[in-house]
Structure formats: structure tokens, C-alpha cells
C-alpha atoms as a PDB file:
ATOM      1  CA  MET A   1       0.019  -0.003   0.003  1.00  0.00           C
ATOM      2  CA  GLU A   2       2.975   2.314   0.602  1.00  0.00           C
ATOM      3  CA  TYR A   3       3.842   2.174  -3.055  1.00  0.00           C
ATOM      4  CA  VAL A   4       0.313   3.131  -4.077  1.00  0.00           C
ATOM      5  CA  ILE A   5       0.285   6.107  -1.718  1.00  0.00           C
ATOM      6  CA  ALA A   6       3.695   7.236  -2.986  1.00  0.00           C
ATOM      7  CA  PHE A   7       2.569   6.911  -6.587  1.00  0.00           C
ATOM      8  CA  VAL A   8      -0.659   8.825  -5.990  1.00  0.00           C
ATOM      9  CA  VAL A   9       0.939  11.704  -4.097  1.00  0.00           C
ATOM     10  CA  GLY A  10       3.848  11.982  -6.524  1.00  0.00           C
ATOM     11  CA  GLY A  11       1.352  11.881  -9.385  1.00  0.00           C
ATOM     12  CA  ILE A  12      -0.763  14.591  -7.866  1.00  0.00           C
ATOM     13  CA  ILE A  13       2.325  16.868  -7.558  1.00  0.00           C
ATOM     14  CA  CYS A  14       3.179  16.167 -11.194  1.00  0.00           C
ATOM     15  CA  VAL A  15      -0.432  16.782 -12.322  1.00  0.00           C
ATOM     16  CA  ILE A  16      -0.415  20.140 -10.527  1.00  0.00           C
ATOM     17  CA  GLY A  17       2.757  21.123 -12.427  1.00  0.00           C
ATOM     18  CA  GLN A  18       1.308  19.942 -15.732  1.00  0.00           C
ATOM     19  CA  LEU A  19      -1.941  21.859 -15.117  1.00  0.00           C
ATOM     20  CA  MET A  20       0.066  24.979 -14.326  1.00  0.00           C
ATOM     21  CA  MET A  21       1.672  24.751 -17.759  1.00  0.00           C
ATOM     22  CA  ASP A  22      -1.502  23.733 -19.642  1.00  0.00           C
ATOM     23  CA  LEU A  23      -3.940  26.198 -18.074  1.00  0.00           C
ATOM     24  CA  THR A  24      -1.725  29.215 -17.690  1.00  0.00           C
ATOM     25  CA  SER A  25       0.962  30.947 -19.714  1.00  0.00           C
ATOM     26  CA  MET A  26       3.662  29.741 -17.386  1.00  0.00           C
ATOM     27  CA  THR A  27       6.829  28.321 -18.896  1.00  0.00           C
ATOM     28  CA  PRO A  28       8.446  25.196 -17.553  1.00  0.00           C
ATOM     29  CA  ALA A  29      10.982  27.362 -15.751  1.00  0.00           C
ATOM     30  CA  HIS A  30       8.201  29.293 -14.000  1.00  0.00           C
ATOM     31  CA  VAL A  31       6.524  25.990 -12.991  1.00  0.00           C
ATOM     32  CA  LEU A  32       9.811  24.636 -11.706  1.00  0.00           C
ATOM     33  CA  SER A  33      10.458  27.748  -9.602  1.00  0.00           C
ATOM     34  CA  THR A  34       6.887  27.739  -8.297  1.00  0.00           C
ATOM     35  CA  LEU A  35       7.092  24.121  -7.198  1.00  0.00           C
ATOM     36  CA  VAL A  36      10.444  24.624  -5.458  1.00  0.00           C
ATOM     37  CA  VAL A  37       9.070  27.704  -3.623  1.00  0.00           C
ATOM     38  CA  SER A  38       5.919  25.788  -2.746  1.00  0.00           C
ATOM     39  CA  GLY A  39       8.110  23.126  -1.130  1.00  0.00           C
ATOM     40  CA  VAL A  40       9.795  25.840   0.953  1.00  0.00           C
ATOM     41  CA  VAL A  41       6.425  27.357   1.928  1.00  0.00           C
ATOM     42  CA  LEU A  42       4.916  23.995   2.853  1.00  0.00           C
ATOM     43  CA  ASP A  43       7.950  23.145   4.969  1.00  0.00           C
ATOM     44  CA  SER A  44       8.022  26.548   6.679  1.00  0.00           C
ATOM     45  CA  ILE A  45       4.449  26.068   7.887  1.00  0.00           C
ATOM     46  CA  GLY A  46       5.122  22.519   9.005  1.00  0.00           C
ATOM     47  CA  LEU A  47       3.258  20.601   6.334  1.00  0.00           C
ATOM     48  CA  TYR A  48       5.975  18.995   4.224  1.00  0.00           C
ATOM     49  CA  ASP A  49       7.494  16.696   6.873  1.00  0.00           C
ATOM     50  CA  PRO A  50       4.078  15.089   7.622  1.00  0.00           C
ATOM     51  CA  LEU A  51       3.614  14.677   3.837  1.00  0.00           C
ATOM     52  CA  ILE A  52       6.948  12.877   3.617  1.00  0.00           C
ATOM     53  CA  GLU A  53       5.956  10.610   6.485  1.00  0.00           C
ATOM     54  CA  PHE A  54       2.683   9.825   4.779  1.00  0.00           C
ATOM     55  CA  ALA A  55       3.830   9.488   1.167  1.00  0.00           C
ATOM     56  CA  GLY A  56       7.516   8.595   1.395  1.00  0.00           C
ATOM     57  CA  ALA A  57       9.120   8.736  -2.025  1.00  0.00           C
ATOM     58  CA  GLY A  58       5.945  10.282  -3.459  1.00  0.00           C
ATOM     59  CA  ALA A  59       6.927  13.464  -1.596  1.00  0.00           C
ATOM     60  CA  THR A  60      10.723  13.199  -1.682  1.00  0.00           C
ATOM     61  CA  VAL A  61      11.247  12.569  -5.408  1.00  0.00           C
ATOM     62  CA  PRO A  62       9.350  15.513  -7.011  1.00  0.00           C
ATOM     63  CA  ILE A  63      11.007  18.932  -7.269  1.00  0.00           C
ATOM     64  CA  THR A  64       9.055  20.267  -4.267  1.00  0.00           C
ATOM     65  CA  SER A  65      11.408  18.209  -2.131  1.00  0.00           C
ATOM     66  CA  PHE A  66      14.328  20.309  -3.346  1.00  0.00           C
ATOM     67  CA  GLY A  67      12.676  23.338  -1.787  1.00  0.00           C
ATOM     68  CA  HIS A  68      12.181  21.332   1.368  1.00  0.00           C
ATOM     69  CA  SER A  69      15.931  20.483   1.441  1.00  0.00           C
ATOM     70  CA  LEU A  70      16.905  24.094   0.801  1.00  0.00           C
ATOM     71  CA  TYR A  71      14.769  25.283   3.698  1.00  0.00           C
ATOM     72  CA  HIS A  72      16.097  22.627   6.127  1.00  0.00           C
ATOM     73  CA  GLY A  73      19.718  23.391   5.187  1.00  0.00           C
ATOM     74  CA  ALA A  74      19.286  27.093   5.568  1.00  0.00           C
ATOM     75  CA  MET A  75      17.521  26.863   8.934  1.00  0.00           C
ATOM     76  CA  GLU A  76      20.032  24.410  10.443  1.00  0.00           C
ATOM     77  CA  GLU A  77      23.006  26.513   9.447  1.00  0.00           C
ATOM     78  CA  MET A  78      21.277  29.740  10.569  1.00  0.00           C
ATOM     79  CA  LYS A  79      20.952  28.236  14.050  1.00  0.00           C
ATOM     80  CA  GLN A  80      24.699  27.568  14.136  1.00  0.00           C
ATOM     81  CA  HIS A  81      26.213  30.448  12.183  1.00  0.00           C
ATOM     82  CA  GLY A  82      23.592  33.194  11.978  1.00  0.00           C
ATOM     83  CA  LEU A  83      22.699  34.983   8.759  1.00  0.00           C
ATOM     84  CA  ILE A  84      25.743  33.761   6.828  1.00  0.00           C
ATOM     85  CA  GLY A  85      24.648  30.221   7.642  1.00  0.00           C
ATOM     86  CA  VAL A  86      21.531  30.722   5.501  1.00  0.00           C
ATOM     87  CA  MET A  87      23.632  30.954   2.385  1.00  0.00           C
ATOM     88  CA  THR A  88      26.081  28.193   3.294  1.00  0.00           C
ATOM     89  CA  GLY A  89      23.332  25.855   4.453  1.00  0.00           C
ATOM     90  CA  ILE A  90      21.521  26.008   1.157  1.00  0.00           C
ATOM     91  CA  PHE A  91      24.576  24.676  -0.648  1.00  0.00           C
ATOM     92  CA  GLU A  92      25.721  22.259   2.024  1.00  0.00           C
ATOM     93  CA  VAL A  93      22.533  20.164   2.000  1.00  0.00           C
ATOM     94  CA  THR A  94      21.891  20.200  -1.724  1.00  0.00           C
ATOM     95  CA  SER A  95      25.462  20.054  -3.035  1.00  0.00           C
ATOM     96  CA  ALA A  96      25.400  16.284  -3.811  1.00  0.00           C
ATOM     97  CA  GLY A  97      22.239  16.628  -5.953  1.00  0.00           C
ATOM     98  CA  ILE A  98      23.551  19.698  -7.793  1.00  0.00           C
ATOM     99  CA  SER A  99      26.933  18.101  -8.373  1.00  0.00           C
ATOM    100  CA  ALA A 100      25.346  14.910  -9.723  1.00  0.00           C
ATOM    101  CA  ALA A 101      23.142  16.918 -12.094  1.00  0.00           C
ATOM    102  CA  ILE A 102      26.192  18.731 -13.463  1.00  0.00           C
ATOM    103  CA  VAL A 103      28.288  15.592 -13.853  1.00  0.00           C
ATOM    104  CA  PHE A 104      25.519  13.501 -15.460  1.00  0.00           C
ATOM    105  CA  GLY A 105      24.500  16.422 -17.707  1.00  0.00           C
ATOM    106  CA  PHE A 106      28.091  16.708 -18.923  1.00  0.00           C
ATOM    107  CA  LEU A 107      28.360  12.956 -19.511  1.00  0.00           C
ATOM    108  CA  ALA A 108      25.114  12.923 -21.447  1.00  0.00           C
ATOM    109  CA  ALA A 109      26.391  15.807 -23.617  1.00  0.00           C
ATOM    110  CA  VAL A 110      29.664  13.988 -24.287  1.00  0.00           C
ATOM    111  CA  ILE A 111      28.087  10.538 -25.032  1.00  0.00           C
ATOM    112  CA  PHE A 112      25.006  11.629 -27.032  1.00  0.00           C
ATOM    113  CA  ARG A 113      24.954  13.893 -30.024  1.00  0.00           C
ATOM    114  CA  PRO A 114      23.047  17.102 -29.301  1.00  0.00           C
ATOM    115  CA  LYS A 115      20.470  18.299 -31.830  1.00  0.00           C
ATOM    116  CA  GLY A 116      20.900  21.645 -33.557  1.00  0.00           C
END
């Protein structure tokens, strides 16, 4: 049943993003930014952690989880280092994902022939 719940919650998040593109004039970049910010907002009001406990990967895989990670990193470092910790915390928590995206993007560009 956990898989079904994760699939449904992740699907709902993806449907929301698709509807934002289909029913408005938002570009994919606007939708991406909106979903990341919504993850931050949901986490700041205490709703994202219960969603993760309920849905598991259905809430941690979509892009809203990136906003959740940014918020957690910033708040943890702010407690330890003050205002400068907000900037360092953002990169400390998400650096592995960002690095992986850069490396795999480079490898894909080297291996496959780009169009255009």
C-alpha cells in the first residue's frame, strides 16, 4: 500500500505542475520555480514533513522536495552560524544533488549527439 500512496501523491504533484503549464501561460521554468518555492512554503508552515511521513518517495522525489531540502539546510546553518549560515546551508545540504546533475549532464552531452 505504501507504493500506491507514494505513486498517487507524486502523481498529484506532477499533475499540478502539468496543469500549471496547460492552463496558464507559465513556462516550464516558471513552474519549476513555483514548485520549489511551494516546497519551501509547505515546509516553513510545517506541512511538508508530515507529507513525507505519509507518502515517502511520493513526496521526496518531486522537485518540491528540493525546496524542502533548501529550507532545512538554511535553517540548520542559521541556528549555528547566523545569517551567513543561510547561504552556506543552502549549498551544504543540496550540493550532492547539484553536483550529480552537473556531472551527469556533462556525460550525457559527451556521449550523445546534441540536436541543432
